[in-house]
Protein backbone atom coordinates (compact mmCIF):
# COMPACT_ATOMS: atom_id res chain seq x y z
CA MET A 1 98.50 87.23 77.81
CA ARG A 2 99.74 88.67 81.10
CA SER A 3 101.64 86.28 83.31
CA ILE A 4 99.72 84.51 86.03
CA SER A 5 100.84 82.95 89.28
CA LEU A 6 101.66 79.25 89.25
CA LEU A 7 98.57 78.85 91.39
CA LEU A 8 96.60 79.21 88.17
CA LEU A 9 99.00 77.90 85.57
CA SER A 10 99.45 74.49 87.14
CA PHE A 11 95.90 74.04 88.44
CA LEU A 12 97.42 71.24 90.54
CA THR A 13 98.82 73.53 93.19
CA ILE A 14 95.52 75.31 93.78
CA SER A 15 94.18 72.27 95.68
CA PHE A 16 90.81 73.95 96.10
CA LEU A 17 91.71 75.11 99.62
CA SER A 18 90.55 78.63 98.95
CA CYS A 19 86.93 77.53 98.66
CA LYS A 20 86.90 75.01 101.50
CA ASN A 21 84.55 75.69 104.38
CA GLU A 22 82.88 78.69 102.74
CA SER A 23 80.17 78.68 105.40
CA LYS A 24 77.96 81.67 105.97
CA THR A 25 78.16 83.71 109.13
CA ASN A 26 74.36 83.82 109.37
CA SER A 27 71.77 81.20 108.53
CA GLY A 28 70.33 83.13 105.61
CA PRO A 29 70.56 86.25 103.49
CA PHE A 30 70.05 89.73 104.86
CA ARG A 31 66.83 91.63 104.31
CA GLN A 32 66.69 94.51 101.83
CA GLY A 33 68.15 97.62 103.43
CA GLU A 34 69.48 95.78 106.49
CA PHE A 35 73.01 96.85 105.51
CA LYS A 36 72.21 100.33 106.81
CA THR A 37 72.40 98.98 110.36
CA TRP A 38 76.04 97.94 109.91
CA ALA A 39 77.50 101.46 109.99
CA LYS A 40 75.15 103.55 112.11
CA THR A 41 77.99 105.97 112.69
CA PRO A 42 80.62 106.80 110.05
CA PRO A 43 83.24 104.02 109.78
CA MET A 44 86.66 104.87 111.22
CA GLY A 45 89.87 103.07 110.36
CA TRP A 46 93.18 102.87 108.55
CA ASN A 47 93.81 102.24 104.84
CA SER A 48 97.18 101.28 103.37
CA TRP A 49 96.94 103.32 100.14
CA ASP A 50 98.38 106.70 101.12
CA CYS A 51 101.53 105.22 102.66
CA TYR A 52 102.11 101.98 100.72
CA GLY A 53 100.23 102.27 97.42
CA PRO A 54 99.75 98.81 95.86
CA THR A 55 102.75 97.28 97.68
CA VAL A 56 101.69 96.85 101.31
CA GLU A 57 102.88 93.67 103.02
CA GLU A 58 101.58 91.63 105.91
CA PRO A 59 104.02 92.87 108.60
CA GLU A 60 103.07 96.47 107.79
CA VAL A 61 99.36 95.68 108.05
CA LYS A 62 99.95 93.99 111.41
CA ALA A 63 102.04 96.90 112.70
CA ASN A 64 99.23 99.33 111.92
CA ALA A 65 96.69 97.01 113.55
CA ASP A 66 98.89 96.79 116.65
CA TYR A 67 99.10 100.58 116.85
CA MET A 68 95.37 101.02 116.37
CA ALA A 69 94.53 98.49 119.06
CA GLU A 70 96.89 100.14 121.53
CA ASN A 71 96.29 103.82 120.78
CA LEU A 72 93.07 104.38 118.83
CA LYS A 73 90.54 101.63 119.43
CA GLU A 74 89.14 103.22 122.58
CA TYR A 75 88.28 106.31 120.50
CA GLY A 76 86.23 104.36 117.95
CA TRP A 77 88.84 103.51 115.32
CA GLU A 78 88.34 99.89 114.23
CA TYR A 79 88.90 99.07 110.53
CA ILE A 80 92.21 97.87 109.06
CA VAL A 81 91.94 97.95 105.26
CA VAL A 82 94.39 96.42 102.76
CA ASP A 83 94.15 98.53 99.63
CA ILE A 84 94.69 97.81 95.97
CA ARG A 85 96.32 94.85 94.17
CA TRP A 86 97.06 92.56 97.11
CA PHE A 87 96.88 89.73 94.55
CA VAL A 88 99.91 90.86 92.49
CA GLU A 89 103.28 89.36 93.43
CA ASN A 90 105.41 91.98 91.69
CA ASP A 91 103.60 95.32 91.86
CA LYS A 92 105.45 98.58 92.38
CA ALA A 93 104.91 102.02 93.85
CA GLY A 94 104.70 105.18 91.78
CA GLY A 95 102.45 103.67 89.12
CA TYR A 96 101.19 100.11 88.79
CA ASN A 97 103.15 97.33 87.15
CA GLN A 98 100.91 96.68 84.16
CA THR A 99 103.74 95.34 81.99
CA ASP A 100 104.27 91.88 83.47
CA PRO A 101 102.10 91.53 86.61
CA ARG A 102 102.08 88.11 88.24
CA TYR A 103 98.51 87.58 89.39
CA VAL A 104 97.47 85.04 92.01
CA ILE A 105 94.08 83.62 91.15
CA ASP A 106 92.11 80.46 91.87
CA GLU A 107 90.37 77.98 89.61
CA TYR A 108 87.14 80.02 89.70
CA GLY A 109 88.74 83.26 88.54
CA ARG A 110 88.94 84.79 92.04
CA TYR A 111 92.03 86.72 93.11
CA LEU A 112 93.97 85.40 96.10
CA PRO A 113 96.56 87.24 98.23
CA ALA A 114 100.15 87.09 96.96
CA VAL A 115 101.94 84.77 99.38
CA ASN A 116 105.30 86.52 98.94
CA ARG A 117 103.64 89.62 100.45
CA PHE A 118 101.15 87.89 102.75
CA PRO A 119 102.82 84.69 104.02
CA SER A 120 99.82 83.68 106.12
CA ALA A 121 97.85 83.23 102.86
CA ALA A 122 99.87 80.11 101.99
CA ASP A 123 98.06 76.86 101.17
CA GLY A 124 95.01 78.69 99.84
CA LYS A 125 94.04 80.24 103.19
CA GLY A 126 93.52 83.66 101.64
CA PHE A 127 93.20 86.46 104.17
CA LYS A 128 91.68 84.24 106.84
CA GLU A 129 94.67 84.26 109.18
CA LEU A 130 95.36 87.98 108.76
CA ALA A 131 91.69 88.73 109.42
CA ASN A 132 91.89 86.55 112.55
CA TYR A 133 94.94 88.52 113.70
CA VAL A 134 92.99 91.76 113.32
CA HIS A 135 89.84 90.31 114.93
CA ASN A 136 91.84 89.06 117.91
CA LYS A 137 92.65 92.70 118.62
CA ASP A 138 88.91 93.46 118.61
CA LEU A 139 89.28 95.29 115.30
CA LYS A 140 87.70 94.73 111.88
CA PHE A 141 89.38 93.72 108.62
CA GLY A 142 88.82 95.15 105.15
CA ILE A 143 90.10 94.84 101.59
CA HIS A 144 90.04 96.75 98.32
CA ILE A 145 88.88 95.21 95.04
CA MET A 146 88.34 96.41 91.50
CA ARG A 147 84.89 95.97 89.98
CA GLY A 148 84.58 93.41 87.21
CA ILE A 149 86.13 90.06 86.36
CA PRO A 150 89.87 89.39 85.88
CA LYS A 151 91.07 89.47 82.29
CA VAL A 152 93.09 86.32 82.96
CA ALA A 153 89.90 84.53 84.02
CA VAL A 154 88.29 85.53 80.72
CA GLU A 155 91.34 84.57 78.67
CA ASN A 156 91.49 81.15 80.33
CA LYS A 157 87.71 80.65 80.24
CA LEU A 158 87.66 79.77 83.91
CA PRO A 159 84.41 78.36 85.31
CA ILE A 160 82.19 80.47 87.54
CA LYS A 161 81.48 78.85 90.87
CA GLY A 162 77.80 78.16 91.46
CA THR A 163 76.87 77.80 87.79
CA ASP A 164 76.33 74.84 85.49
CA GLY A 165 79.14 75.32 83.01
CA ILE A 166 79.14 79.12 82.63
CA THR A 167 82.66 80.48 82.15
CA ALA A 168 84.21 83.90 82.64
CA ASP A 169 84.32 84.66 78.90
CA GLN A 170 80.50 84.53 78.81
CA ILE A 171 79.82 87.39 81.25
CA TYR A 172 82.29 90.13 80.31
CA SER A 173 82.51 93.20 78.10
CA THR A 174 85.47 95.34 77.09
CA GLU A 175 83.22 98.41 77.19
CA LEU A 176 83.83 100.80 80.09
CA GLN A 177 86.98 98.97 81.12
CA CYS A 178 88.83 100.91 83.82
CA PRO A 179 91.15 103.33 81.95
CA TRP A 180 93.83 103.56 84.65
CA LEU A 181 94.17 99.91 85.73
CA ARG A 182 93.42 97.23 83.20
CA ASP A 183 93.38 94.06 85.31
CA ASN A 184 89.63 93.44 84.89
CA TYR A 185 86.85 93.60 82.34
CA THR A 186 83.35 94.92 82.95
CA ILE A 187 80.78 92.35 84.08
CA VAL A 188 77.56 92.58 82.07
CA ALA A 189 74.96 92.66 84.81
CA ASP A 190 72.16 90.81 83.03
CA LYS A 191 74.29 87.93 81.74
CA PRO A 192 73.66 84.48 83.26
CA GLY A 193 76.53 83.90 85.67
CA ALA A 194 77.16 87.58 86.44
CA GLN A 195 75.44 87.49 89.83
CA GLU A 196 76.97 84.11 90.59
CA TYR A 197 80.48 85.46 90.01
CA TYR A 198 80.00 88.29 92.47
CA ASN A 199 78.33 85.87 94.88
CA SER A 200 81.35 83.60 94.65
CA ILE A 201 83.88 86.27 95.55
CA PHE A 202 81.83 87.65 98.44
CA ASP A 203 81.19 84.14 99.76
CA MET A 204 84.98 83.71 99.79
CA TYR A 205 85.49 87.07 101.53
CA ALA A 206 82.88 86.13 104.12
CA ASP A 207 84.74 82.89 104.76
CA TRP A 208 87.97 84.84 105.20
CA GLY A 209 86.30 87.08 107.78
CA VAL A 210 86.24 90.31 105.77
CA ASP A 211 84.19 93.11 107.38
CA PHE A 212 84.68 95.93 104.85
CA VAL A 213 85.12 96.04 101.08
CA LYS A 214 86.12 99.11 99.08
CA VAL A 215 85.15 98.59 95.44
CA ASP A 216 87.08 100.75 93.00
CA ASP A 217 86.21 102.05 89.53
CA LEU A 218 82.57 101.84 90.57
CA SER A 219 81.38 105.41 91.21
CA ARG A 220 82.83 107.45 88.34
CA PRO A 221 81.29 106.67 85.96
CA TYR A 222 78.50 105.17 88.04
CA HIS A 223 78.12 101.47 87.21
CA GLN A 224 74.58 100.92 88.42
CA GLY A 225 74.33 97.33 87.21
CA GLU A 226 77.47 96.20 89.01
CA VAL A 227 76.55 98.19 92.12
CA GLU A 228 73.36 96.15 92.31
CA LEU A 229 75.20 92.86 91.73
CA ILE A 230 77.58 93.71 94.57
CA ARG A 231 74.76 94.67 96.93
CA ASN A 232 73.00 91.39 96.17
CA ALA A 233 76.21 89.42 96.65
CA ILE A 234 76.90 90.94 100.06
CA ASP A 235 73.36 90.45 101.25
CA GLN A 236 73.36 86.78 100.26
CA CYS A 237 76.79 85.96 101.74
CA GLY A 238 75.52 85.98 105.31
CA ARG A 239 78.24 88.25 106.74
CA PRO A 240 77.77 91.98 107.37
CA ILE A 241 80.35 93.53 105.03
CA VAL A 242 80.39 97.32 104.88
CA LEU A 243 80.43 98.52 101.24
CA SER A 244 82.49 101.55 100.21
CA THR A 245 82.37 102.74 96.59
CA SER A 246 85.26 104.53 94.92
CA PRO A 247 86.41 106.84 93.44
CA GLY A 248 84.44 110.07 93.12
CA GLU A 249 82.93 112.17 91.96
CA THR A 250 79.88 110.01 92.43
CA PRO A 251 77.26 111.80 90.29
CA ILE A 252 74.64 113.53 92.39
CA GLU A 253 72.06 112.12 89.98
CA ALA A 254 72.90 108.68 91.43
CA ALA A 255 72.45 109.80 95.03
CA ASP A 256 69.12 108.07 95.62
CA HIS A 257 70.45 104.84 94.14
CA VAL A 258 73.81 104.76 95.91
CA LYS A 259 72.32 105.43 99.35
CA GLU A 260 70.13 102.35 98.90
CA HIS A 261 73.09 100.15 97.97
CA ALA A 262 76.26 101.37 99.71
CA ASN A 263 77.31 102.34 103.22
CA MET A 264 79.68 105.04 101.95
CA TRP A 265 80.52 106.56 98.59
CA ARG A 266 83.29 108.81 97.43
CA MET A 267 82.45 112.39 96.51
CA VAL A 268 85.86 113.24 94.97
CA ASP A 269 88.97 111.64 93.50
CA ASP A 270 91.93 110.95 95.79
CA VAL A 271 92.55 113.65 98.39
CA TRP A 272 96.24 114.35 98.92
CA ASP A 273 98.16 116.72 101.16
CA THR A 274 97.78 119.96 99.22
CA TRP A 275 95.44 122.84 99.98
CA PRO A 276 93.49 122.81 96.65
CA HIS A 277 92.32 119.28 97.44
CA ILE A 278 90.65 120.61 100.59
CA THR A 279 88.95 123.58 98.93
CA HIS A 280 87.70 121.37 96.10
CA LEU A 281 86.28 118.97 98.66
CA MET A 282 84.44 121.81 100.40
CA ASP A 283 82.87 122.81 97.09
CA VAL A 284 81.72 119.27 96.31
CA CYS A 285 80.39 118.70 99.83
CA GLN A 286 77.72 121.32 99.17
CA LYS A 287 75.80 118.80 97.02
CA TRP A 288 75.70 116.10 99.66
CA TYR A 289 74.57 117.51 103.03
CA SER A 290 71.02 116.25 102.64
CA TYR A 291 72.26 112.68 102.10
CA ILE A 292 74.15 112.35 105.40
CA ALA A 293 72.25 109.62 107.27
CA PRO A 294 72.91 106.69 109.62
CA GLY A 295 74.27 103.73 107.68
CA THR A 296 74.90 105.65 104.44
CA TRP A 297 77.64 108.28 104.35
CA PRO A 298 79.06 110.62 101.69
CA ASP A 299 82.81 110.01 101.86
CA CYS A 300 85.51 112.71 101.84
CA ASP A 301 88.22 110.08 101.07
CA MET A 302 91.22 109.08 103.12
CA ILE A 303 92.95 111.40 105.54
CA PRO A 304 96.41 112.25 104.08
CA LEU A 305 98.05 113.11 107.40
CA GLY A 306 101.01 111.74 109.31
CA ARG A 307 103.71 109.89 107.38
CA ILE A 308 102.60 109.12 103.82
CA SER A 309 104.10 107.90 100.54
CA ILE A 310 106.56 105.51 102.16
CA ARG A 311 106.00 103.54 98.96
CA GLY A 312 103.20 105.69 97.69
CA GLU A 313 101.77 107.10 94.49
CA ARG A 314 102.21 110.84 95.03
CA GLY A 315 105.62 112.20 95.95
CA GLU A 316 108.38 110.90 98.19
CA ASP A 317 108.33 109.51 101.72
CA ARG A 318 107.28 112.44 103.91
CA MET A 319 105.21 113.77 106.75
CA THR A 320 102.15 115.52 105.38
CA ARG A 321 102.79 118.79 103.57
CA LEU A 322 99.73 120.45 105.12
CA THR A 323 100.41 123.06 107.78
CA LYS A 324 98.98 122.56 111.26
CA ASP A 325 96.21 125.07 110.51
CA GLU A 326 95.40 123.16 107.32
CA GLN A 327 95.39 119.85 109.17
CA TYR A 328 92.92 121.23 111.71
CA THR A 329 90.80 122.53 108.82
CA LEU A 330 90.78 119.14 107.11
CA MET A 331 89.88 117.26 110.29
CA THR A 332 87.23 119.82 111.22
CA LEU A 333 85.56 119.45 107.84
CA PHE A 334 85.70 115.63 107.89
CA THR A 335 84.30 115.37 111.40
CA ILE A 336 81.50 117.95 111.33
CA PHE A 337 80.45 116.66 107.89
CA LYS A 338 80.32 113.15 109.41
CA SER A 339 82.49 111.67 106.70
CA PRO A 340 83.93 108.21 107.27
CA LEU A 341 87.41 108.63 108.73
CA MET A 342 90.00 106.45 107.01
CA PHE A 343 93.48 107.50 108.06
CA GLY A 344 96.05 107.18 105.28
CA GLY A 345 99.35 107.67 107.08
CA ASP A 346 101.52 104.95 108.60
CA LEU A 347 100.18 104.80 112.15
CA PRO A 348 103.38 103.65 113.90
CA SER A 349 105.12 106.73 112.43
CA ASN A 350 102.66 109.17 114.03
CA ASP A 351 104.03 112.12 115.98
CA ASP A 352 102.19 113.52 119.00
CA PHE A 353 100.40 116.19 116.99
CA THR A 354 99.03 113.71 114.47
CA LEU A 355 97.88 111.42 117.26
CA SER A 356 96.12 114.35 118.95
CA LEU A 357 94.06 114.92 115.79
CA LEU A 358 92.77 111.34 115.99
CA THR A 359 92.04 111.12 119.71
CA ASN A 360 90.13 114.27 120.60
CA GLU A 361 87.14 112.89 122.49
CA GLU A 362 84.90 115.93 122.09
CA VAL A 363 85.52 116.20 118.35
CA LEU A 364 84.86 112.49 117.86
CA LYS A 365 81.73 112.75 120.01
CA MET A 366 80.47 115.44 117.61
CA HIS A 367 81.39 113.18 114.68
CA ARG A 368 79.30 110.33 116.11
CA LYS A 369 76.40 112.25 117.62
CA GLY A 370 75.95 115.33 115.45
CA THR A 371 72.74 115.50 113.41
CA ASP A 372 71.16 117.87 110.89
CA VAL A 373 74.51 118.78 109.38
CA ARG A 374 74.20 121.79 107.11
CA GLN A 375 76.28 124.50 105.54
CA ILE A 376 75.18 127.98 106.57
CA PHE A 377 77.20 129.77 103.91
CA GLN A 378 80.21 129.50 101.62
CA GLU A 379 81.10 132.83 100.09
CA ASP A 380 84.08 135.16 99.70
CA GLY A 381 86.41 132.50 101.08
CA LYS A 382 84.37 132.13 104.26
CA VAL A 383 82.55 128.93 105.23
CA ALA A 384 80.27 128.06 108.15
CA ILE A 385 78.94 124.56 108.88
CA THR A 386 76.78 123.49 111.81
CA SER A 387 75.20 120.44 113.43
CA HIS A 388 73.70 119.72 116.83
CA ASN A 389 73.59 117.04 119.47
CA PRO A 390 69.93 116.00 119.86
CA THR A 391 70.57 114.46 123.29
CA THR A 392 72.26 117.43 124.97
CA GLY A 393 70.93 120.25 122.81
CA GLU A 394 74.48 121.48 122.20
CA VAL A 395 75.14 123.16 118.87
CA TYR A 396 78.37 122.62 116.95
CA LEU A 397 79.75 125.32 114.69
CA ALA A 398 82.76 125.23 112.37
CA LEU A 399 84.08 128.43 110.78
CA PHE A 400 86.69 128.42 108.00
CA ASN A 401 88.75 130.99 106.13
CA ILE A 402 89.61 129.14 102.91
CA SER A 403 90.96 132.20 101.10
CA ASP A 404 94.63 132.68 100.23
CA SER A 405 94.68 136.31 101.38
CA GLU A 406 97.55 137.43 103.59
CA SER A 407 95.14 139.36 105.80
CA THR A 408 92.77 137.83 108.32
CA ALA A 409 89.05 137.60 107.69
CA GLU A 410 86.18 138.06 110.12
CA VAL A 411 83.78 135.12 109.98
CA SER A 412 80.55 135.38 111.95
CA VAL A 413 77.24 133.57 112.40
CA PRO A 414 74.20 135.11 114.13
CA PHE A 415 72.64 132.91 116.81
CA ASP A 416 69.26 133.00 115.12
CA GLU A 417 70.88 131.12 112.18
CA LEU A 418 71.62 128.37 114.69
CA GLY A 419 68.23 128.38 116.38
CA LEU A 420 69.77 129.88 119.52
CA SER A 421 68.89 132.85 121.71
CA GLY A 422 70.25 134.34 124.89
CA SER A 423 73.74 133.91 126.32
CA GLN A 424 75.77 130.91 125.18
CA GLU A 425 78.78 129.23 126.71
CA VAL A 426 81.39 128.51 124.05
CA THR A 427 84.00 125.74 124.10
CA ASN A 428 86.80 125.33 121.57
CA LEU A 429 86.57 121.62 120.81
CA TRP A 430 90.15 121.17 119.64
CA THR A 431 91.78 122.87 122.64
CA GLY A 432 89.09 122.38 125.29
CA GLU A 433 89.34 126.09 126.12
CA LYS A 434 86.22 127.68 127.58
CA LEU A 435 85.61 130.98 125.84
CA ASP A 436 83.65 133.90 127.26
CA SER A 437 79.87 133.59 127.26
CA ILE A 438 78.46 135.54 124.35
CA GLU A 439 75.15 136.80 123.01
CA GLY A 440 73.82 137.53 119.54
CA SER A 441 76.44 135.91 117.32
CA PHE A 442 79.73 134.08 117.23
CA VAL A 443 82.53 136.04 115.55
CA ARG A 444 86.13 135.02 114.89
CA GLU A 445 89.11 136.53 113.07
CA LEU A 446 90.75 133.75 111.09
CA ALA A 447 93.99 133.72 109.13
CA ALA A 448 94.06 132.18 105.67
CA HIS A 449 93.48 128.40 105.80
CA GLU A 450 92.59 128.63 109.50
CA SER A 451 89.42 127.32 111.12
CA ILE A 452 87.75 127.02 114.49
CA LEU A 453 85.38 124.37 115.83
CA VAL A 454 83.21 125.23 118.82
CA LYS A 455 80.36 123.91 120.93
CA LEU A 456 77.65 126.30 122.08
CA ALA A 457 75.43 125.55 125.06
CA ASN A 458 73.22 127.49 127.48
């Protein structure tokens, strides 16, 4: 059996503090579908994965929250998300410690933050104090979890809170266990106690003040039973907790189900700072345009820009390997597609260029306000995507040259494809430059991996 923190082994040091005062934020459960009102625009925030892997510590989380509050909050950035394995005392970067992990877990089989990494979690307080720190900056706090029930809870036959004697070994299966991280077993959705287990962890998260939960190993393959358990658990906990499913590719066959249960869902596996990740994402996006809607968002994954892999999973400590043209292309795709924006780099390490990509008011206005997002074409290395602002009537247009050719390519879109006629004023959204008024079509010569994002208005 894997080693477990003394919090579990002694049972005496747990002291039941983690489940004290688990009051609900609201007086009752949420109505079916009410979760769609919690993220009317795509969530925007920071996630610790790209820069710290499974090893992030409390001072690093606070430093990123401080930066966001000072530099990004006014632009709509608000979530601070602690990614994977915050409950392991001795994890490592560059591949998880699955040899002798020291888990921190309570008497009901619920993971707790490792106090050596998150000192404010001492005495069973969980993430309550860290969430308060984030909330006091008028930001929101999120965490990552793996679907399922901890293996150590099963092995120790720990009781499930809210049941009459049901234990963890009565609700699990070894089938479909996550192949790349083997901390948990699958929860069998129709077993007595299955819903109560998920209820118990989300009641605890609600008590901590969690606003966002990313649930991993949920979308590929698509675990419909556990998705429904999680939706039910959030709705009953009385706190609006945004649900993000991971990783992709979420099967398009599950689109109608996932949009009724999650606020955002991954379309691809992890996106890192290499060009093929971007072109693959553009291909996969083609399936999902019709599912972009308020409260439920197809997710392009984290933004691998700025300083990443400080203690990460892919490569050494570095500033992103993407060129400036490629960084503009990535951000243009994410914003016109209305993907959630979860920045993966260490925010305090940002240079001026990286900061400029996150604080462009016109681009972020398009990201919030754009509707009817659609791809006009993707062929011969050329891509055109459009949306429009229903309030102002402005039309947004993104053109991309995703080929690897050394020569430039002419990318053009006739106005009638955009529902426009007559002369149009054109503004480059990234630079703010006013281009000449044009008629008939918008045409641009683009180098390989280059893009342009414009606003057209009469």
